[in-house]
Amino acid sequence: MTSPKQVLKSVGPKLVPFFKTLAIYFVVFIPEDNPSLFAMFLKCLPILSLLLFVLMHGMSLGNEYTFSRRILIGLIFSCLGDGLLVWRELFLHGMVAFGIGHMFFISAFGFKPLNIPLGIPMYIASMLGLSMWLPQQALIYKMTVPIYTALLVTMAWRATARVRFFEELWTWTKLCSCVGGLFFVISDAIIGLHMFYSPIPYGQVLIMTTYYAAQLGIALSVVDSKASYIREEEESRKRQLLLDESEQEQGSIIGEGINLRQRRLGTFGR
């Protein structure tokens, strides 16, 4: 299991661009009611830095980088969504971009272990929240927001399900993706309340802080993804080897039993 010290030593220098661009965003801090191309550029810079971070951990078309590729594509669509959400009239377009990003995150996290008991309360909580928020919204939001919410909750569920504390099958990077998925839900919940229910004091700060923390956690999940893939492949080969040996032993036992029976029948025939 990767220790926090090892993670920090490995990823710390590669995250310098992210924290620098994050500082620039909050120092300049263009209010949300003043959209511009420059505001879009500043908002996207930290995610562009995370894209660079993922690429620095290796990228190819090989199976060992399938996880990283999906996280990378998810971040690309998230960056697109960031740019679109700068203009409120493009909110739906940004939501679609983020929804596609969530689909790639879900495909990266996978569905093993399934852990249905973890997902059920998350879906129930989201449905309760929508039931209080949706009735007052326009028809287009009634049609699209539930779909996006389902993707968001599924992403958070799959990110969280990867961490199995009690089975000692967790790593710090899986924990990071878990925290990232939950922060994404918090950030989007604040957006919903802030934009469509009642303005929240320092809403933009809260939204962007939790959002960047979410994307950082998800990006950190690629740190040992290649090593995890290689380890799982080796374990799979070992299991297959043991299975083949077991089948060979069973076949040998069955063969001996048939031979013994044939000898006995031959003896009785004489």
Protein backbone atom coordinates (compact mmCIF):
# COMPACT_ATOMS: atom_id res chain seq x y z
CA MET A 1 0.00 0.00 0.00
CA THR A 2 1.35 3.46 -0.93
CA SER A 3 2.10 5.56 2.16
CA PRO A 4 1.18 9.27 2.42
CA LYS A 5 4.89 10.15 2.54
CA GLN A 6 5.56 8.27 -0.69
CA VAL A 7 2.57 9.88 -2.36
CA LEU A 8 3.69 13.37 -1.29
CA LYS A 9 7.25 12.78 -2.44
CA SER A 10 6.09 11.43 -5.78
CA VAL A 11 3.34 13.86 -6.69
CA GLY A 12 4.31 17.03 -4.80
CA PRO A 13 6.56 18.60 -7.46
CA LYS A 14 4.14 17.67 -10.24
CA LEU A 15 1.31 19.50 -8.46
CA VAL A 16 3.18 22.82 -8.26
CA PRO A 17 1.54 24.15 -11.47
CA PHE A 18 -1.90 23.28 -10.10
CA PHE A 19 -1.41 25.15 -6.82
CA LYS A 20 0.14 28.13 -8.61
CA THR A 21 -2.77 28.44 -11.03
CA LEU A 22 -5.18 27.91 -8.13
CA ALA A 23 -3.56 30.81 -6.28
CA ILE A 24 -3.78 32.99 -9.39
CA TYR A 25 -7.48 32.23 -9.75
CA PHE A 26 -8.32 33.21 -6.17
CA VAL A 27 -6.02 36.25 -6.14
CA VAL A 28 -7.49 37.72 -9.32
CA PHE A 29 -10.95 36.30 -8.53
CA ILE A 30 -13.24 37.67 -11.22
CA PRO A 31 -16.85 37.71 -9.88
CA GLU A 32 -19.32 35.34 -11.52
CA ASP A 33 -21.48 38.27 -12.66
CA ASN A 34 -18.62 39.57 -14.83
CA PRO A 35 -18.12 36.83 -17.46
CA SER A 36 -15.34 37.17 -20.03
CA LEU A 37 -12.84 35.11 -21.99
CA PHE A 38 -10.20 36.08 -19.44
CA ALA A 39 -12.41 34.81 -16.59
CA MET A 40 -12.88 31.55 -18.48
CA PHE A 41 -9.11 31.24 -18.97
CA LEU A 42 -8.36 31.77 -15.27
CA LYS A 43 -11.08 29.32 -14.25
CA CYS A 44 -9.78 26.59 -16.56
CA LEU A 45 -6.09 26.99 -15.68
CA PRO A 46 -6.10 24.70 -12.60
CA ILE A 47 -7.84 21.91 -14.53
CA LEU A 48 -5.40 22.32 -17.41
CA SER A 49 -2.65 21.87 -14.82
CA LEU A 50 -4.29 18.65 -13.64
CA LEU A 51 -4.40 17.44 -17.24
CA LEU A 52 -0.65 18.01 -17.37
CA PHE A 53 -0.30 16.18 -14.04
CA VAL A 54 -2.10 13.11 -15.44
CA LEU A 55 0.03 13.15 -18.59
CA MET A 56 3.22 13.36 -16.52
CA HIS A 57 2.34 10.00 -14.96
CA GLY A 58 2.49 8.34 -18.37
CA MET A 59 0.06 7.83 -21.19
CA SER A 60 -0.23 5.34 -24.03
CA LEU A 61 -2.82 3.20 -25.79
CA GLY A 62 -1.84 0.16 -23.71
CA ASN A 63 -4.24 -1.48 -21.28
CA GLU A 64 -2.09 -0.39 -18.34
CA TYR A 65 -3.11 3.21 -19.02
CA THR A 66 -6.84 2.63 -19.58
CA PHE A 67 -7.67 4.12 -16.18
CA SER A 68 -5.49 7.19 -16.77
CA ARG A 69 -6.91 7.76 -20.25
CA ARG A 70 -10.46 7.78 -18.94
CA ILE A 71 -9.59 10.16 -16.12
CA LEU A 72 -7.83 12.40 -18.63
CA ILE A 73 -10.84 12.52 -20.96
CA GLY A 74 -13.13 13.16 -17.99
CA LEU A 75 -10.95 16.13 -16.99
CA ILE A 76 -11.01 17.45 -20.57
CA PHE A 77 -14.82 17.51 -20.60
CA SER A 78 -14.81 19.04 -17.12
CA CYS A 79 -12.53 21.79 -18.40
CA LEU A 80 -14.95 22.38 -21.26
CA GLY A 81 -17.80 22.56 -18.76
CA ASP A 82 -15.82 25.07 -16.70
CA GLY A 83 -15.49 27.36 -19.68
CA LEU A 84 -19.15 27.14 -20.62
CA LEU A 85 -20.43 27.79 -17.09
CA VAL A 86 -18.75 31.17 -17.02
CA TRP A 87 -21.76 32.36 -19.02
CA ARG A 88 -25.02 31.59 -17.27
CA GLU A 89 -26.92 31.26 -20.57
CA LEU A 90 -24.64 28.32 -21.39
CA PHE A 91 -25.44 26.50 -18.14
CA LEU A 92 -27.15 23.57 -19.85
CA HIS A 93 -24.26 23.15 -22.30
CA GLY A 94 -21.81 23.12 -19.40
CA MET A 95 -23.93 20.57 -17.56
CA VAL A 96 -23.87 18.28 -20.61
CA ALA A 97 -20.07 18.57 -20.78
CA PHE A 98 -19.76 17.70 -17.11
CA GLY A 99 -22.19 14.81 -17.54
CA ILE A 100 -19.98 13.33 -20.26
CA GLY A 101 -16.98 13.83 -18.00
CA HIS A 102 -18.74 11.92 -15.22
CA MET A 103 -19.39 9.02 -17.60
CA PHE A 104 -15.66 8.71 -18.24
CA PHE A 105 -14.91 8.93 -14.51
CA ILE A 106 -17.48 6.16 -13.88
CA SER A 107 -15.92 3.97 -16.56
CA ALA A 108 -12.51 4.52 -14.96
CA PHE A 109 -13.66 3.64 -11.43
CA GLY A 110 -15.60 0.60 -12.65
CA PHE A 111 -18.27 -1.46 -10.92
CA LYS A 112 -16.14 -3.83 -8.85
CA PRO A 113 -16.83 -4.11 -6.00
CA LEU A 114 -20.46 -3.21 -6.63
CA ASN A 115 -21.40 -2.35 -3.02
CA ILE A 116 -25.10 -1.68 -3.61
CA PRO A 117 -25.81 -0.84 0.08
CA LEU A 118 -23.47 2.14 -0.30
CA GLY A 119 -25.21 3.45 -3.41
CA ILE A 120 -28.82 3.17 -2.20
CA PRO A 121 -28.71 5.97 0.44
CA MET A 122 -26.80 8.22 -1.97
CA TYR A 123 -29.52 7.87 -4.61
CA ILE A 124 -32.29 8.32 -2.04
CA ALA A 125 -30.68 11.53 -0.72
CA SER A 126 -30.34 12.90 -4.25
CA MET A 127 -33.96 12.11 -5.09
CA LEU A 128 -35.16 13.83 -1.92
CA GLY A 129 -33.12 16.89 -2.79
CA LEU A 130 -34.49 16.98 -6.34
CA SER A 131 -38.06 16.56 -5.13
CA MET A 132 -37.74 19.81 -3.16
CA TRP A 133 -35.84 21.74 -5.85
CA LEU A 134 -37.27 20.65 -9.21
CA PRO A 135 -40.98 21.61 -8.92
CA GLN A 136 -40.13 25.33 -9.10
CA GLN A 137 -37.83 24.98 -12.12
CA ALA A 138 -38.43 25.28 -15.85
CA LEU A 139 -39.34 22.19 -17.86
CA ILE A 140 -35.91 21.92 -19.46
CA TYR A 141 -34.30 21.61 -16.02
CA LYS A 142 -36.91 19.08 -14.92
CA MET A 143 -35.84 16.95 -17.89
CA THR A 144 -32.06 17.36 -17.75
CA VAL A 145 -31.07 17.86 -14.12
CA PRO A 146 -32.26 14.40 -12.93
CA ILE A 147 -30.12 12.77 -15.64
CA TYR A 148 -27.08 14.80 -14.66
CA THR A 149 -27.71 14.11 -10.97
CA ALA A 150 -27.87 10.37 -11.63
CA LEU A 151 -24.48 10.54 -13.38
CA LEU A 152 -23.00 12.66 -10.60
CA VAL A 153 -24.23 10.35 -7.82
CA THR A 154 -23.13 7.26 -9.73
CA MET A 155 -19.65 8.76 -10.12
CA ALA A 156 -19.46 9.52 -6.39
CA TRP A 157 -20.78 6.04 -5.54
CA ARG A 158 -18.20 4.30 -7.73
CA ALA A 159 -15.38 6.49 -6.42
CA THR A 160 -16.39 5.71 -2.84
CA ALA A 161 -16.96 1.98 -3.43
CA ARG A 162 -13.32 1.56 -4.48
CA VAL A 163 -12.23 2.11 -0.87
CA ARG A 164 -12.60 -1.06 1.20
CA PHE A 165 -11.16 -0.26 4.62
CA PHE A 166 -12.22 -3.43 6.38
CA GLU A 167 -10.72 -5.69 3.72
CA GLU A 168 -7.39 -3.85 3.67
CA LEU A 169 -7.80 -3.42 -0.10
CA TRP A 170 -7.45 0.34 -0.22
CA THR A 171 -4.74 2.79 -1.14
CA TRP A 172 -4.23 6.49 -0.52
CA THR A 173 -4.95 7.20 -4.17
CA LYS A 174 -8.29 5.38 -3.98
CA LEU A 175 -9.09 7.39 -0.87
CA CYS A 176 -8.28 10.57 -2.82
CA SER A 177 -10.74 9.64 -5.59
CA CYS A 178 -13.35 8.86 -2.93
CA VAL A 179 -12.94 12.29 -1.31
CA GLY A 180 -12.90 13.88 -4.76
CA GLY A 181 -16.18 12.27 -5.73
CA LEU A 182 -17.88 13.44 -2.53
CA PHE A 183 -16.53 16.99 -2.92
CA PHE A 184 -17.95 17.04 -6.45
CA VAL A 185 -21.41 16.31 -5.05
CA ILE A 186 -21.01 19.04 -2.44
CA SER A 187 -19.84 21.57 -5.03
CA ASP A 188 -22.74 20.86 -7.39
CA ALA A 189 -25.24 20.96 -4.53
CA ILE A 190 -23.98 24.43 -3.62
CA ILE A 191 -24.31 25.49 -7.27
CA GLY A 192 -27.94 24.36 -7.32
CA LEU A 193 -28.78 26.23 -4.14
CA HIS A 194 -26.79 29.32 -5.06
CA MET A 195 -28.07 29.74 -8.62
CA PHE A 196 -31.64 28.50 -8.42
CA TYR A 197 -32.79 28.70 -4.81
CA SER A 198 -31.17 31.47 -2.78
CA PRO A 199 -27.77 33.18 -3.14
CA ILE A 200 -25.25 31.83 -0.63
CA PRO A 201 -22.74 34.21 1.00
CA TYR A 202 -19.33 33.63 -0.59
CA GLY A 203 -21.05 31.12 -2.85
CA GLN A 204 -18.49 31.36 -5.65
CA VAL A 205 -15.63 30.76 -3.22
CA LEU A 206 -17.33 27.72 -1.72
CA ILE A 207 -18.24 26.31 -5.12
CA MET A 208 -14.79 26.67 -6.63
CA THR A 209 -12.92 25.52 -3.50
CA THR A 210 -14.87 22.29 -3.25
CA TYR A 211 -14.78 21.83 -7.03
CA TYR A 212 -11.01 22.16 -7.36
CA ALA A 213 -10.56 19.85 -4.35
CA ALA A 214 -12.81 17.32 -6.11
CA GLN A 215 -10.85 17.41 -9.35
CA LEU A 216 -7.55 17.20 -7.48
CA GLY A 217 -8.70 14.07 -5.66
CA ILE A 218 -9.86 12.45 -8.88
CA ALA A 219 -6.63 13.36 -10.69
CA LEU A 220 -4.54 11.87 -7.86
CA SER A 221 -6.19 8.50 -8.49
CA VAL A 222 -3.91 7.96 -11.51
CA VAL A 223 -0.71 8.00 -9.45
CA ASP A 224 -0.49 4.23 -8.93
CA SER A 225 -3.07 3.12 -11.52
CA LYS A 226 -0.43 1.48 -13.75
CA ALA A 227 1.13 -0.37 -10.81
CA SER A 228 -2.32 -1.48 -9.66
CA TYR A 229 -3.12 -2.78 -13.15
CA ILE A 230 0.15 -4.75 -13.32
CA ARG A 231 -0.44 -6.15 -9.82
CA GLU A 232 -4.00 -7.20 -10.66
CA GLU A 233 -2.82 -8.83 -13.89
CA GLU A 234 -0.16 -10.81 -12.00
CA GLU A 235 -2.72 -11.90 -9.41
CA SER A 236 -5.11 -12.89 -12.19
CA ARG A 237 -2.40 -14.99 -13.88
CA LYS A 238 -1.58 -16.66 -10.57
CA ARG A 239 -5.24 -17.48 -9.98
CA GLN A 240 -5.54 -18.86 -13.50
CA LEU A 241 -2.38 -20.93 -13.01
CA LEU A 242 -3.73 -22.39 -9.77
CA LEU A 243 -7.04 -23.10 -11.50
CA ASP A 244 -5.27 -24.87 -14.37
CA GLU A 245 -3.21 -26.94 -11.93
CA SER A 246 -6.35 -27.83 -9.99
CA GLU A 247 -8.11 -28.90 -13.20
CA GLN A 248 -5.09 -30.98 -14.20
CA GLU A 249 -5.05 -32.70 -10.80
CA GLN A 250 -8.77 -33.42 -11.04
CA GLY A 251 -8.31 -34.76 -14.55
CA SER A 252 -5.47 -36.96 -13.36
CA ILE A 253 -7.57 -38.32 -10.49
CA ILE A 254 -10.48 -39.00 -12.83
CA GLY A 255 -8.16 -40.69 -15.31
CA GLU A 256 -6.69 -42.91 -12.62
CA GLY A 257 -10.19 -43.81 -11.49
CA ILE A 258 -11.18 -44.80 -15.03
CA ASN A 259 -8.03 -46.87 -15.47
CA LEU A 260 -8.61 -48.62 -12.15
CA ARG A 261 -12.19 -49.41 -13.14
CA GLN A 262 -11.09 -50.74 -16.49
CA ARG A 263 -8.48 -53.01 -14.86
CA ARG A 264 -11.09 -54.35 -12.45
CA LEU A 265 -13.50 -55.03 -15.28
CA GLY A 266 -10.74 -56.76 -17.20
CA THR A 267 -9.96 -58.95 -14.20
CA PHE A 268 -13.60 -60.01 -13.86
CA GLY A 269 -13.76 -60.71 -17.59
CA ARG A 270 -10.95 -63.26 -17.33
